[in-house]
Structures are given as C-alpha cells and as structure tokens.
PDB file of N, CA and C in Angstrom:
ATOM      1  N   MET A   1       7.564  -4.789  -3.720  1.00  0.00           N
ATOM      2  CA  MET A   1       7.753  -3.369  -3.437  1.00  0.00           C
ATOM      3  C   MET A   1       7.655  -3.091  -4.698  1.00  0.00           C
ATOM      4  N   HIS A   2       8.003  -1.462  -4.703  1.00  0.00           N
ATOM      5  CA  HIS A   2       7.887  -0.358  -5.753  1.00  0.00           C
ATOM      6  C   HIS A   2       9.014  -0.298  -6.375  1.00  0.00           C
ATOM      7  N   MET A   3       9.265  -0.059  -7.435  1.00  0.00           N
ATOM      8  CA  MET A   3      10.573   0.298  -8.178  1.00  0.00           C
ATOM      9  C   MET A   3      10.757   1.607  -8.066  1.00  0.00           C
ATOM     10  N   ALA A   4      12.245   2.214  -7.920  1.00  0.00           N
ATOM     11  CA  ALA A   4      11.988   3.431  -7.616  1.00  0.00           C
ATOM     12  C   ALA A   4      12.666   4.295  -8.926  1.00  0.00           C
ATOM     13  N   ASP A   5      12.655   5.362  -9.539  1.00  0.00           N
ATOM     14  CA  ASP A   5      12.533   6.160 -10.877  1.00  0.00           C
ATOM     15  C   ASP A   5      14.282   5.629 -11.451  1.00  0.00           C
ATOM     16  N   ALA A   6      14.679   5.627 -10.112  1.00  0.00           N
ATOM     17  CA  ALA A   6      16.783   5.777 -10.284  1.00  0.00           C
ATOM     18  C   ALA A   6      17.071   4.234 -10.610  1.00  0.00           C
ATOM     19  N   LEU A   7      16.073   2.990 -10.475  1.00  0.00           N
ATOM     20  CA  LEU A   7      16.849   1.859 -11.051  1.00  0.00           C
ATOM     21  C   LEU A   7      16.346   1.900 -12.519  1.00  0.00           C
ATOM     22  N   VAL A   8      15.307   2.376 -13.118  1.00  0.00           N
ATOM     23  CA  VAL A   8      15.575   2.085 -14.396  1.00  0.00           C
ATOM     24  C   VAL A   8      15.305   3.156 -15.513  1.00  0.00           C
ATOM     25  N   SER A   9      16.049   2.523 -16.587  1.00  0.00           N
ATOM     26  CA  SER A   9      16.592   3.759 -17.712  1.00  0.00           C
ATOM     27  C   SER A   9      15.384   3.680 -18.609  1.00  0.00           C
ATOM     28  N   PRO A  10      15.671   4.883 -19.385  1.00  0.00           N
ATOM     29  CA  PRO A  10      14.647   5.231 -20.212  1.00  0.00           C
ATOM     30  C   PRO A  10      13.958   3.926 -21.282  1.00  0.00           C
ATOM     31  N   PRO A  11      15.113   3.671 -21.790  1.00  0.00           N
ATOM     32  CA  PRO A  11      14.563   2.659 -23.048  1.00  0.00           C
ATOM     33  C   PRO A  11      13.516   1.403 -21.812  1.00  0.00           C
ATOM     34  N   VAL A  12      14.161   0.954 -20.908  1.00  0.00           N
ATOM     35  CA  VAL A  12      13.527  -0.160 -20.067  1.00  0.00           C
ATOM     36  C   VAL A  12      11.841   0.168 -19.716  1.00  0.00           C
ATOM     37  N   ALA A  13      12.125   1.507 -19.005  1.00  0.00           N
ATOM     38  CA  ALA A  13      10.942   2.398 -18.954  1.00  0.00           C
ATOM     39  C   ALA A  13       9.706   2.151 -20.095  1.00  0.00           C
ATOM     40  N   THR A  14      10.212   2.789 -21.422  1.00  0.00           N
ATOM     41  CA  THR A  14       9.221   3.240 -22.428  1.00  0.00           C
ATOM     42  C   THR A  14       8.803   1.344 -22.666  1.00  0.00           C
ATOM     43  N   GLY A  15       9.756   0.573 -22.720  1.00  0.00           N
ATOM     44  CA  GLY A  15       9.417  -0.657 -23.167  1.00  0.00           C
ATOM     45  C   GLY A  15       8.355  -1.573 -22.017  1.00  0.00           C
ATOM     46  N   MET A  16       8.609  -1.289 -21.097  1.00  0.00           N
ATOM     47  CA  MET A  16       7.476  -2.174 -19.758  1.00  0.00           C
ATOM     48  C   MET A  16       6.345  -1.060 -20.013  1.00  0.00           C
ATOM     49  N   ALA A  17       6.451   0.200 -20.122  1.00  0.00           N
ATOM     50  CA  ALA A  17       5.012   1.098 -20.240  1.00  0.00           C
ATOM     51  C   ALA A  17       4.593   0.681 -21.395  1.00  0.00           C
ATOM     52  N   VAL A  18       4.886   0.246 -22.814  1.00  0.00           N
ATOM     53  CA  VAL A  18       3.854   0.163 -23.787  1.00  0.00           C
ATOM     54  C   VAL A  18       3.316  -1.424 -23.426  1.00  0.00           C
ATOM     55  N   ALA A  19       4.481  -2.325 -22.484  1.00  0.00           N
ATOM     56  CA  ALA A  19       3.858  -3.330 -22.457  1.00  0.00           C
ATOM     57  C   ALA A  19       2.399  -3.692 -21.362  1.00  0.00           C
ATOM     58  N   SER A  20       2.816  -2.643 -20.186  1.00  0.00           N
ATOM     59  CA  SER A  20       1.373  -2.816 -19.399  1.00  0.00           C
ATOM     60  C   SER A  20       0.311  -1.885 -19.833  1.00  0.00           C
ATOM     61  N   LEU A  21       0.747  -0.916 -20.893  1.00  0.00           N
ATOM     62  CA  LEU A  21      -0.361  -0.265 -21.260  1.00  0.00           C
ATOM     63  C   LEU A  21      -1.277  -1.191 -22.380  1.00  0.00           C
ATOM     64  N   ALA A  22      -0.591  -2.359 -23.351  1.00  0.00           N
ATOM     65  CA  ALA A  22      -0.957  -3.059 -24.220  1.00  0.00           C
ATOM     66  C   ALA A  22      -1.633  -4.252 -23.121  1.00  0.00           C
ATOM     67  N   VAL A  23      -1.350  -4.641 -21.952  1.00  0.00           N
ATOM     68  CA  VAL A  23      -2.221  -5.579 -21.452  1.00  0.00           C
ATOM     69  C   VAL A  23      -3.333  -4.692 -20.758  1.00  0.00           C
ATOM     70  N   GLY A  24      -3.025  -3.382 -20.377  1.00  0.00           N
ATOM     71  CA  GLY A  24      -4.557  -2.976 -19.986  1.00  0.00           C
ATOM     72  C   GLY A  24      -5.785  -2.283 -20.754  1.00  0.00           C
ATOM     73  N   ALA A  25      -5.047  -2.236 -22.239  1.00  0.00           N
ATOM     74  CA  ALA A  25      -6.201  -2.377 -23.468  1.00  0.00           C
ATOM     75  C   ALA A  25      -6.784  -3.702 -23.908  1.00  0.00           C
ATOM     76  N   TYR A  26      -5.953  -4.905 -23.358  1.00  0.00           N
ATOM     77  CA  TYR A  26      -6.573  -5.854 -23.745  1.00  0.00           C
ATOM     78  C   TYR A  26      -7.238  -6.329 -22.512  1.00  0.00           C
ATOM     79  N   SER A  27      -6.947  -5.779 -21.270  1.00  0.00           N
ATOM     80  CA  SER A  27      -8.242  -5.933 -20.401  1.00  0.00           C
ATOM     81  C   SER A  27      -9.591  -5.370 -20.506  1.00  0.00           C
ATOM     82  N   ILE A  28      -9.105  -4.124 -20.954  1.00  0.00           N
ATOM     83  CA  ILE A  28     -10.426  -3.439 -21.296  1.00  0.00           C
ATOM     84  C   ILE A  28     -11.621  -3.896 -22.547  1.00  0.00           C
ATOM     85  N   PHE A  29     -10.623  -4.222 -23.750  1.00  0.00           N
ATOM     86  CA  PHE A  29     -11.628  -5.051 -24.261  1.00  0.00           C
ATOM     87  C   PHE A  29     -12.138  -6.417 -24.195  1.00  0.00           C
ATOM     88  N   ARG A  30     -11.476  -6.929 -23.207  1.00  0.00           N
ATOM     89  CA  ARG A  30     -11.992  -8.376 -22.466  1.00  0.00           C
ATOM     90  C   ARG A  30     -13.311  -8.417 -21.574  1.00  0.00           C
ATOM     91  N   ILE A  31     -13.149  -7.065 -20.931  1.00  0.00           N
ATOM     92  CA  ILE A  31     -14.133  -6.635 -19.717  1.00  0.00           C
ATOM     93  C   ILE A  31     -15.219  -6.093 -20.747  1.00  0.00           C
ATOM     94  N   LYS A  32     -14.820  -5.604 -22.007  1.00  0.00           N
ATOM     95  CA  LYS A  32     -16.275  -5.022 -22.771  1.00  0.00           C
ATOM     96  C   LYS A  32     -16.897  -6.053 -23.458  1.00  0.00           C
ATOM     97  N   LYS A  33     -15.906  -7.228 -24.059  1.00  0.00           N
ATOM     98  CA  LYS A  33     -16.649  -8.371 -24.435  1.00  0.00           C
ATOM     99  C   LYS A  33     -17.497  -9.064 -23.645  1.00  0.00           C
ATOM    100  N   GLU A  34     -16.974  -9.142 -22.329  1.00  0.00           N
ATOM    101  CA  GLU A  34     -17.897  -9.923 -21.289  1.00  0.00           C
ATOM    102  C   GLU A  34     -18.946  -9.599 -20.939  1.00  0.00           C
ATOM    103  N   ASN A  35     -19.426  -7.986 -21.100  1.00  0.00           N
ATOM    104  CA  ASN A  35     -20.568  -6.719 -20.778  1.00  0.00           C
ATOM    105  C   ASN A  35     -20.265  -6.942 -19.388  1.00  0.00           C
ATOM    106  N   LYS A  36     -19.448  -6.837 -18.430  1.00  0.00           N
ATOM    107  CA  LYS A  36     -20.019  -6.646 -17.256  1.00  0.00           C
ATOM    108  C   LYS A  36     -19.669  -5.373 -16.373  1.00  0.00           C
ATOM    109  N   PRO A  37     -20.465  -4.407 -16.680  1.00  0.00           N
ATOM    110  CA  PRO A  37     -20.217  -2.842 -16.219  1.00  0.00           C
ATOM    111  C   PRO A  37     -20.623  -2.633 -15.154  1.00  0.00           C
ATOM    112  N   GLU A  38     -21.446  -3.882 -14.445  1.00  0.00           N
ATOM    113  CA  GLU A  38     -22.221  -4.007 -12.791  1.00  0.00           C
ATOM    114  C   GLU A  38     -20.670  -3.971 -12.090  1.00  0.00           C
ATOM    115  N   ASN A  39     -19.990  -4.616 -12.706  1.00  0.00           N
ATOM    116  CA  ASN A  39     -18.556  -4.232 -11.697  1.00  0.00           C
ATOM    117  C   ASN A  39     -17.923  -3.287 -11.505  1.00  0.00           C
ATOM    118  N   ILE A  40     -18.109  -1.998 -11.857  1.00  0.00           N
ATOM    119  CA  ILE A  40     -17.255  -1.016 -12.568  1.00  0.00           C
ATOM    120  C   ILE A  40     -17.666  -0.308 -10.505  1.00  0.00           C
ATOM    121  N   PRO A  41     -18.558  -0.413 -10.226  1.00  0.00           N
ATOM    122  CA  PRO A  41     -18.788   0.245  -8.566  1.00  0.00           C
ATOM    123  C   PRO A  41     -17.962  -0.889  -7.852  1.00  0.00           C
ATOM    124  N   VAL A  42     -17.955  -1.804  -7.660  1.00  0.00           N
ATOM    125  CA  VAL A  42     -16.629  -2.824  -7.110  1.00  0.00           C
ATOM    126  C   VAL A  42     -15.494  -2.697  -7.497  1.00  0.00           C
ATOM    127  N   TRP A  43     -15.106  -2.421  -8.441  1.00  0.00           N
ATOM    128  CA  TRP A  43     -13.540  -1.830  -8.331  1.00  0.00           C
ATOM    129  C   TRP A  43     -13.202  -0.268  -8.172  1.00  0.00           C
ATOM    130  N   VAL A  44     -14.138   0.572  -7.950  1.00  0.00           N
ATOM    131  CA  VAL A  44     -14.022   1.479  -7.555  1.00  0.00           C
ATOM    132  C   VAL A  44     -13.961   1.500  -5.808  1.00  0.00           C
ATOM    133  N   LEU A  45     -14.789   0.721  -5.216  1.00  0.00           N
ATOM    134  CA  LEU A  45     -14.577   0.425  -4.054  1.00  0.00           C
ATOM    135  C   LEU A  45     -13.197  -0.323  -3.359  1.00  0.00           C
ATOM    136  N   TRP A  46     -12.864  -1.647  -4.608  1.00  0.00           N
ATOM    137  CA  TRP A  46     -11.429  -1.935  -4.435  1.00  0.00           C
ATOM    138  C   TRP A  46     -10.078  -1.285  -4.276  1.00  0.00           C
ATOM    139  N   VAL A  47     -10.348   0.055  -5.323  1.00  0.00           N
ATOM    140  CA  VAL A  47      -9.382   0.754  -5.098  1.00  0.00           C
ATOM    141  C   VAL A  47      -9.309   1.933  -4.108  1.00  0.00           C
ATOM    142  N   LEU A  48     -10.356   2.079  -3.640  1.00  0.00           N
ATOM    143  CA  LEU A  48     -10.462   3.157  -1.992  1.00  0.00           C
ATOM    144  C   LEU A  48     -10.123   2.383  -1.136  1.00  0.00           C
ATOM    145  N   LEU A  49     -10.760   0.955  -1.116  1.00  0.00           N
ATOM    146  CA  LEU A  49     -10.180   0.332   0.359  1.00  0.00           C
ATOM    147  C   LEU A  49      -8.706  -0.370   0.258  1.00  0.00           C
ATOM    148  N   TYR A  50      -8.003  -0.003  -0.902  1.00  0.00           N
ATOM    149  CA  TYR A  50      -6.532  -0.295  -1.012  1.00  0.00           C
ATOM    150  C   TYR A  50      -6.216   0.553  -0.764  1.00  0.00           C
ATOM    151  N   LEU A  51      -6.491   1.747  -1.469  1.00  0.00           N
ATOM    152  CA  LEU A  51      -5.564   3.140  -0.741  1.00  0.00           C
ATOM    153  C   LEU A  51      -5.648   3.401   0.790  1.00  0.00           C
ATOM    154  N   GLN A  52      -6.957   2.672   1.125  1.00  0.00           N
ATOM    155  CA  GLN A  52      -7.631   3.105   2.616  1.00  0.00           C
ATOM    156  C   GLN A  52      -6.698   2.585   3.769  1.00  0.00           C
ATOM    157  N   HIS A  53      -6.220   1.411   2.876  1.00  0.00           N
ATOM    158  CA  HIS A  53      -5.449   0.537   3.597  1.00  0.00           C
ATOM    159  C   HIS A  53      -3.739   0.692   3.717  1.00  0.00           C
ATOM    160  N   LYS A  54      -3.622   1.428   2.649  1.00  0.00           N
ATOM    161  CA  LYS A  54      -1.992   2.018   2.807  1.00  0.00           C
ATOM    162  C   LYS A  54      -2.001   3.319   3.360  1.00  0.00           C
ATOM    163  N   TRP A  55      -3.047   4.084   3.456  1.00  0.00           N
ATOM    164  CA  TRP A  55      -2.929   5.336   4.328  1.00  0.00           C
ATOM    165  C   TRP A  55      -3.199   4.626   5.850  1.00  0.00           C
ATOM    166  N   SER A  56      -4.009   3.694   6.155  1.00  0.00           N
ATOM    167  CA  SER A  56      -4.019   3.408   7.054  1.00  0.00           C
ATOM    168  C   SER A  56      -2.898   2.484   8.075  1.00  0.00           C
ATOM    169  N   THR A  57      -1.847   2.350   7.453  1.00  0.00           N
ATOM    170  CA  THR A  57      -0.772   1.682   7.962  1.00  0.00           C
ATOM    171  C   THR A  57       0.088   2.627   9.179  1.00  0.00           C
ATOM    172  N   LEU A  58      -0.343   3.989   9.258  1.00  0.00           N
ATOM    173  CA  LEU A  58       0.053   5.016   9.825  1.00  0.00           C
ATOM    174  C   LEU A  58      -0.735   5.158  11.133  1.00  0.00           C
ATOM    175  N   GLN A  59      -1.989   4.617  11.205  1.00  0.00           N
ATOM    176  CA  GLN A  59      -2.849   4.908  11.874  1.00  0.00           C
ATOM    177  C   GLN A  59      -3.907   4.464  12.684  1.00  0.00           C
ATOM    178  N   PHE A  60      -4.142   3.048  12.267  1.00  0.00           N
ATOM    179  CA  PHE A  60      -5.064   2.175  12.531  1.00  0.00           C
ATOM    180  C   PHE A  60      -4.218   0.344  12.987  1.00  0.00           C
ATOM    181  N   PRO A  61      -5.115  -0.289  14.219  1.00  0.00           N
ATOM    182  CA  PRO A  61      -4.309  -1.240  14.733  1.00  0.00           C
ATOM    183  C   PRO A  61      -3.710  -2.310  13.884  1.00  0.00           C
ATOM    184  N   GLU A  62      -2.911  -3.311  13.736  1.00  0.00           N
ATOM    185  CA  GLU A  62      -3.364  -4.385  13.011  1.00  0.00           C
ATOM    186  C   GLU A  62      -4.134  -5.236  12.561  1.00  0.00           C
ATOM    187  N   LEU A  63      -5.494  -5.337  13.296  1.00  0.00           N
ATOM    188  CA  LEU A  63      -6.395  -6.154  13.100  1.00  0.00           C
ATOM    189  C   LEU A  63      -7.715  -5.661  12.164  1.00  0.00           C
ATOM    190  N   VAL A  64      -7.583  -4.321  12.264  1.00  0.00           N
ATOM    191  CA  VAL A  64      -8.695  -3.216  11.076  1.00  0.00           C
ATOM    192  C   VAL A  64      -7.339  -3.485  10.166  1.00  0.00           C
ATOM    193  N   GLN A  65      -6.082  -3.561   9.674  1.00  0.00           N
ATOM    194  CA  GLN A  65      -5.514  -3.898   8.551  1.00  0.00           C
ATOM    195  C   GLN A  65      -5.735  -4.816   7.862  1.00  0.00           C
ATOM    196  N   VAL A  66      -5.689  -6.221   8.589  1.00  0.00           N
ATOM    197  CA  VAL A  66      -6.135  -7.361   8.508  1.00  0.00           C
ATOM    198  C   VAL A  66      -7.387  -7.649   7.692  1.00  0.00           C
ATOM    199  N   VAL A  67      -8.254  -6.960   8.568  1.00  0.00           N
ATOM    200  CA  VAL A  67      -9.816  -7.031   8.053  1.00  0.00           C
ATOM    201  C   VAL A  67      -9.936  -6.250   6.583  1.00  0.00           C
ATOM    202  N   ILE A  68      -9.247  -5.383   6.648  1.00  0.00           N
ATOM    203  CA  ILE A  68      -9.173  -4.914   5.372  1.00  0.00           C
ATOM    204  C   ILE A  68      -8.470  -5.260   3.976  1.00  0.00           C
ATOM    205  N   CYS A  69      -7.233  -6.206   4.544  1.00  0.00           N
ATOM    206  CA  CYS A  69      -7.018  -6.895   3.129  1.00  0.00           C
ATOM    207  C   CYS A  69      -7.518  -8.360   3.120  1.00  0.00           C
ATOM    208  N   VAL A  70      -8.314  -8.726   3.810  1.00  0.00           N
ATOM    209  CA  VAL A  70      -9.431  -9.868   3.570  1.00  0.00           C
ATOM    210  C   VAL A  70     -10.456  -9.379   3.025  1.00  0.00           C
ATOM    211  N   VAL A  71     -10.880  -8.204   3.181  1.00  0.00           N
ATOM    212  CA  VAL A  71     -12.047  -7.573   2.130  1.00  0.00           C
ATOM    213  C   VAL A  71     -11.639  -7.034   0.957  1.00  0.00           C
ATOM    214  N   VAL A  72     -10.262  -6.656   0.708  1.00  0.00           N
ATOM    215  CA  VAL A  72      -9.973  -6.664  -0.595  1.00  0.00           C
ATOM    216  C   VAL A  72      -9.569  -7.903  -1.733  1.00  0.00           C
ATOM    217  N   LEU A  73      -9.072  -8.622  -0.714  1.00  0.00           N
ATOM    218  CA  LEU A  73      -8.914 -10.070  -1.623  1.00  0.00           C
ATOM    219  C   LEU A  73     -10.230 -10.527  -2.040  1.00  0.00           C
ATOM    220  N   LEU A  74     -11.215 -10.280  -1.154  1.00  0.00           N
ATOM    221  CA  LEU A  74     -12.854 -11.292  -1.734  1.00  0.00           C
ATOM    222  C   LEU A  74     -12.982 -10.052  -2.851  1.00  0.00           C
ATOM    223  N   LEU A  75     -12.739  -8.789  -2.900  1.00  0.00           N
ATOM    224  CA  LEU A  75     -13.415  -8.073  -3.930  1.00  0.00           C
ATOM    225  C   LEU A  75     -12.518  -8.484  -5.076  1.00  0.00           C
ATOM    226  N   SER A  76     -11.269  -8.880  -5.208  1.00  0.00           N
ATOM    227  CA  SER A  76     -10.788  -8.933  -6.222  1.00  0.00           C
ATOM    228  C   SER A  76     -11.057 -10.400  -6.726  1.00  0.00           C
ATOM    229  N   ALA A  77     -11.208 -11.167  -6.038  1.00  0.00           N
ATOM    230  CA  ALA A  77     -12.025 -12.430  -6.456  1.00  0.00           C
ATOM    231  C   ALA A  77     -13.609 -12.559  -7.158  1.00  0.00           C
ATOM    232  N   LEU A  78     -13.747 -11.436  -6.413  1.00  0.00           N
ATOM    233  CA  LEU A  78     -15.330 -10.638  -7.480  1.00  0.00           C
ATOM    234  C   LEU A  78     -15.347 -10.195  -9.018  1.00  0.00           C
ATOM    235  N   ILE A  79     -13.952  -9.483  -8.935  1.00  0.00           N
ATOM    236  CA  ILE A  79     -13.823  -8.494 -10.387  1.00  0.00           C
ATOM    237  C   ILE A  79     -12.953  -9.557 -11.154  1.00  0.00           C
ATOM    238  N   GLY A  80     -12.360 -10.044 -11.046  1.00  0.00           N
ATOM    239  CA  GLY A  80     -11.960 -10.955 -11.810  1.00  0.00           C
ATOM    240  C   GLY A  80     -10.565 -10.465 -12.230  1.00  0.00           C
ATOM    241  N   PRO A  81      -9.595 -11.440 -13.056  1.00  0.00           N
ATOM    242  CA  PRO A  81      -8.501 -10.750 -13.339  1.00  0.00           C
ATOM    243  C   PRO A  81      -8.211  -9.496 -14.360  1.00  0.00           C
ATOM    244  N   TYR A  82      -9.103  -9.226 -15.084  1.00  0.00           N
ATOM    245  CA  TYR A  82      -9.057  -8.470 -16.301  1.00  0.00           C
ATOM    246  C   TYR A  82      -9.493  -7.032 -14.811  1.00  0.00           C
ATOM    247  N   GLY A  83     -10.443  -6.988 -14.293  1.00  0.00           N
ATOM    248  CA  GLY A  83     -11.051  -5.783 -13.551  1.00  0.00           C
ATOM    249  C   GLY A  83      -9.812  -5.480 -12.634  1.00  0.00           C
ATOM    250  N   GLY A  84      -8.989  -6.724 -12.184  1.00  0.00           N
ATOM    251  CA  GLY A  84      -8.182  -6.699 -10.842  1.00  0.00           C
ATOM    252  C   GLY A  84      -6.965  -5.614 -11.722  1.00  0.00           C
ATOM    253  N   PHE A  85      -5.981  -6.279 -13.151  1.00  0.00           N
ATOM    254  CA  PHE A  85      -5.354  -5.684 -13.494  1.00  0.00           C
ATOM    255  C   PHE A  85      -5.759  -4.196 -14.066  1.00  0.00           C
ATOM    256  N   LEU A  86      -6.686  -3.870 -14.242  1.00  0.00           N
ATOM    257  CA  LEU A  86      -6.935  -2.243 -14.370  1.00  0.00           C
ATOM    258  C   LEU A  86      -7.019  -1.346 -12.947  1.00  0.00           C
ATOM    259  N   SER A  87      -7.431  -1.962 -11.974  1.00  0.00           N
ATOM    260  CA  SER A  87      -7.644  -1.621 -10.603  1.00  0.00           C
ATOM    261  C   SER A  87      -6.516  -1.511  -9.838  1.00  0.00           C
ATOM    262  N   MET A  88      -5.426  -2.276 -10.251  1.00  0.00           N
ATOM    263  CA  MET A  88      -4.261  -2.458  -9.684  1.00  0.00           C
ATOM    264  C   MET A  88      -3.020  -1.248 -10.687  1.00  0.00           C
ATOM    265  N   MET A  89      -3.379  -1.037 -12.116  1.00  0.00           N
ATOM    266  CA  MET A  89      -2.956   0.002 -12.971  1.00  0.00           C
ATOM    267  C   MET A  89      -3.516   1.621 -12.000  1.00  0.00           C
ATOM    268  N   ALA A  90      -4.614   1.344 -11.915  1.00  0.00           N
ATOM    269  CA  ALA A  90      -5.005   2.909 -11.250  1.00  0.00           C
ATOM    270  C   ALA A  90      -4.525   3.070  -9.702  1.00  0.00           C
ATOM    271  N   ILE A  91      -4.202   2.150  -9.159  1.00  0.00           N
ATOM    272  CA  ILE A  91      -4.424   1.621  -7.588  1.00  0.00           C
ATOM    273  C   ILE A  91      -2.331   2.568  -7.758  1.00  0.00           C
ATOM    274  N   LEU A  92      -1.720   1.820  -8.357  1.00  0.00           N
ATOM    275  CA  LEU A  92      -0.368   2.062  -8.861  1.00  0.00           C
ATOM    276  C   LEU A  92      -0.219   3.698  -8.945  1.00  0.00           C
ATOM    277  N   LEU A  93      -1.020   4.096  -9.866  1.00  0.00           N
ATOM    278  CA  LEU A  93      -1.090   5.582 -10.536  1.00  0.00           C
ATOM    279  C   LEU A  93      -1.061   6.199  -9.160  1.00  0.00           C
ATOM    280  N   LEU A  94      -2.128   6.263  -8.499  1.00  0.00           N
ATOM    281  CA  LEU A  94      -2.360   6.916  -7.456  1.00  0.00           C
ATOM    282  C   LEU A  94      -1.026   6.884  -6.276  1.00  0.00           C
ATOM    283  N   GLN A  95      -0.996   5.647  -6.001  1.00  0.00           N
ATOM    284  CA  GLN A  95       0.515   5.957  -5.305  1.00  0.00           C
ATOM    285  C   GLN A  95       1.542   6.290  -5.750  1.00  0.00           C
ATOM    286  N   CYS A  96       1.873   6.314  -7.040  1.00  0.00           N
ATOM    287  CA  CYS A  96       2.839   7.011  -7.641  1.00  0.00           C
ATOM    288  C   CYS A  96       2.558   8.581  -7.547  1.00  0.00           C
ATOM    289  N   LEU A  97       1.335   9.270  -7.727  1.00  0.00           N
ATOM    290  CA  LEU A  97       1.047  10.559  -7.472  1.00  0.00           C
ATOM    291  C   LEU A  97       0.828  10.777  -5.958  1.00  0.00           C
ATOM    292  N   LEU A  98       0.237  10.183  -5.179  1.00  0.00           N
ATOM    293  CA  LEU A  98       0.060  11.427  -4.137  1.00  0.00           C
ATOM    294  C   LEU A  98       0.928  10.289  -2.987  1.00  0.00           C
ATOM    295  N   PHE A  99       1.589   9.026  -3.061  1.00  0.00           N
ATOM    296  CA  PHE A  99       2.327   8.586  -1.782  1.00  0.00           C
ATOM    297  C   PHE A  99       4.140   8.692  -2.641  1.00  0.00           C
ATOM    298  N   ALA A 100       4.373   8.889  -3.319  1.00  0.00           N
ATOM    299  CA  ALA A 100       5.297   9.193  -4.130  1.00  0.00           C
ATOM    300  C   ALA A 100       6.143   7.384  -3.813  1.00  0.00           C
ATOM    301  N   ASP A 101       5.166   6.298  -4.153  1.00  0.00           N
ATOM    302  CA  ASP A 101       5.834   4.994  -4.042  1.00  0.00           C
ATOM    303  C   ASP A 101       6.276   4.624  -5.653  1.00  0.00           C
ATOM    304  N   GLY A 102       7.588   4.655  -6.024  1.00  0.00           N
ATOM    305  CA  GLY A 102       7.699   4.571  -7.104  1.00  0.00           C
ATOM    306  C   GLY A 102       8.064   5.770  -7.759  1.00  0.00           C
ATOM    307  N   GLY A 103       7.631   6.212  -8.927  1.00  0.00           N
ATOM    308  CA  GLY A 103       7.513   7.196 -10.228  1.00  0.00           C
ATOM    309  C   GLY A 103       6.845   7.225 -10.938  1.00  0.00           C
ATOM    310  N   LEU A 104       7.210   8.037 -12.293  1.00  0.00           N
ATOM    311  CA  LEU A 104       6.010   7.913 -13.544  1.00  0.00           C
ATOM    312  C   LEU A 104       6.668   7.111 -14.372  1.00  0.00           C
ATOM    313  N   MET A 105       8.132   7.577 -14.247  1.00  0.00           N
ATOM    314  CA  MET A 105       9.225   6.365 -15.054  1.00  0.00           C
ATOM    315  C   MET A 105       9.022   4.987 -14.777  1.00  0.00           C
ATOM    316  N   ALA A 106       9.037   4.622 -13.587  1.00  0.00           N
ATOM    317  CA  ALA A 106       9.144   3.267 -12.811  1.00  0.00           C
ATOM    318  C   ALA A 106       7.910   2.791 -13.333  1.00  0.00           C
ATOM    319  N   TYR A 107       6.586   3.612 -13.159  1.00  0.00           N
ATOM    320  CA  TYR A 107       5.088   2.718 -13.689  1.00  0.00           C
ATOM    321  C   TYR A 107       5.215   1.577 -14.178  1.00  0.00           C
ATOM    322  N   GLY A 108       5.178   1.866 -15.527  1.00  0.00           N
ATOM    323  CA  GLY A 108       5.294   0.638 -16.614  1.00  0.00           C
ATOM    324  C   GLY A 108       5.619  -0.631 -15.944  1.00  0.00           C
ATOM    325  N   CYS A 109       7.089  -0.733 -15.243  1.00  0.00           N
ATOM    326  CA  CYS A 109       7.770  -1.944 -14.717  1.00  0.00           C
ATOM    327  C   CYS A 109       6.977  -1.867 -13.255  1.00  0.00           C
ATOM    328  N   ASN A 110       6.626  -1.128 -12.501  1.00  0.00           N
ATOM    329  CA  ASN A 110       5.797  -1.516 -11.479  1.00  0.00           C
ATOM    330  C   ASN A 110       4.288  -2.126 -11.530  1.00  0.00           C
ATOM    331  N   VAL A 111       3.803  -2.079 -12.764  1.00  0.00           N
ATOM    332  CA  VAL A 111       2.554  -2.401 -13.016  1.00  0.00           C
ATOM    333  C   VAL A 111       2.739  -3.797 -13.793  1.00  0.00           C
ATOM    334  N   TRP A 112       3.662  -3.724 -14.441  1.00  0.00           N
ATOM    335  CA  TRP A 112       4.026  -4.803 -14.989  1.00  0.00           C
ATOM    336  C   TRP A 112       4.323  -6.048 -13.403  1.00  0.00           C
ATOM    337  N   ASN A 113       5.029  -5.739 -12.582  1.00  0.00           N
ATOM    338  CA  ASN A 113       5.601  -6.270 -11.770  1.00  0.00           C
ATOM    339  C   ASN A 113       4.656  -6.819 -10.858  1.00  0.00           C
ATOM    340  N   MET A 114       3.448  -5.789 -10.557  1.00  0.00           N
ATOM    341  CA  MET A 114       2.547  -5.712  -9.046  1.00  0.00           C
ATOM    342  C   MET A 114       1.190  -6.141  -9.531  1.00  0.00           C
ATOM    343  N   ALA A 115       0.699  -5.817 -10.761  1.00  0.00           N
ATOM    344  CA  ALA A 115      -0.710  -6.207 -11.463  1.00  0.00           C
ATOM    345  C   ALA A 115      -0.535  -7.324 -12.154  1.00  0.00           C
ATOM    346  N   PHE A 116       0.287  -7.420 -13.127  1.00  0.00           N
ATOM    347  CA  PHE A 116       0.320  -8.459 -14.150  1.00  0.00           C
ATOM    348  C   PHE A 116       0.526  -9.993 -13.482  1.00  0.00           C
ATOM    349  N   TYR A 117       1.561  -9.835 -12.729  1.00  0.00           N
ATOM    350  CA  TYR A 117       1.771 -11.367 -11.824  1.00  0.00           C
ATOM    351  C   TYR A 117       1.498 -11.368 -11.005  1.00  0.00           C
TER     352      TYR A 117
END
C-alpha cells in the first residue's frame, strides 16, 4: 500500500528520499556498467503495462488483470533488479502525480517500501 503524505514527517521524508535517490543513482551506475541499453524499451513497456493494470482495475475483468500481472512479472525478470528498481521509481512517481496514490512528500518512503524491498 502507498503511504499518505500525512503519515510522514519532513525529516523522515527527506531521509527516505535521499536513501531512495541514492539507490536509484547506484542502479543507474550498475546498468551503465553492465552496458544493457537494449533493455530500455522493455522498461518502458513494463511501466506502461503496470500503469495500464492500475487503470484497468475499474474497467477490465479479473482474467485480464491476472494476465497483465503475469506479463509484468515476466518483464521484471527480464530487466533485472536494477532496471526493476528504476522502473518502480518511475511508476510510483506517475502514480503519485496521476492517481493520487501516496504523495510527493511520501515518495521516498513509497519507493523504499515498494521498489527496494
């Protein structure tokens, strides 16, 4: 679940944002070191499928949602842990801005809880 802004104090929000951005920077470093730019289209597809799943919870039947979840799981296995972390950072930011899940102040905590773990 997403944390709401009201649950996080400013010092905690700052600390978690710094920790999450540090792991994000390390992920970018590792991806550049491994030299896997061919995975970028897969990341974009992963983000779009996840957001479509989020949006489809109101519109599509259960079977379609399960298929989308399985495809997202398989794509996450293809992009690896570092690409998955960066993709989840992007997804959580888009969810924060488009769907009002969490908030900007709780973004670092949500990234740490949902992308890192």
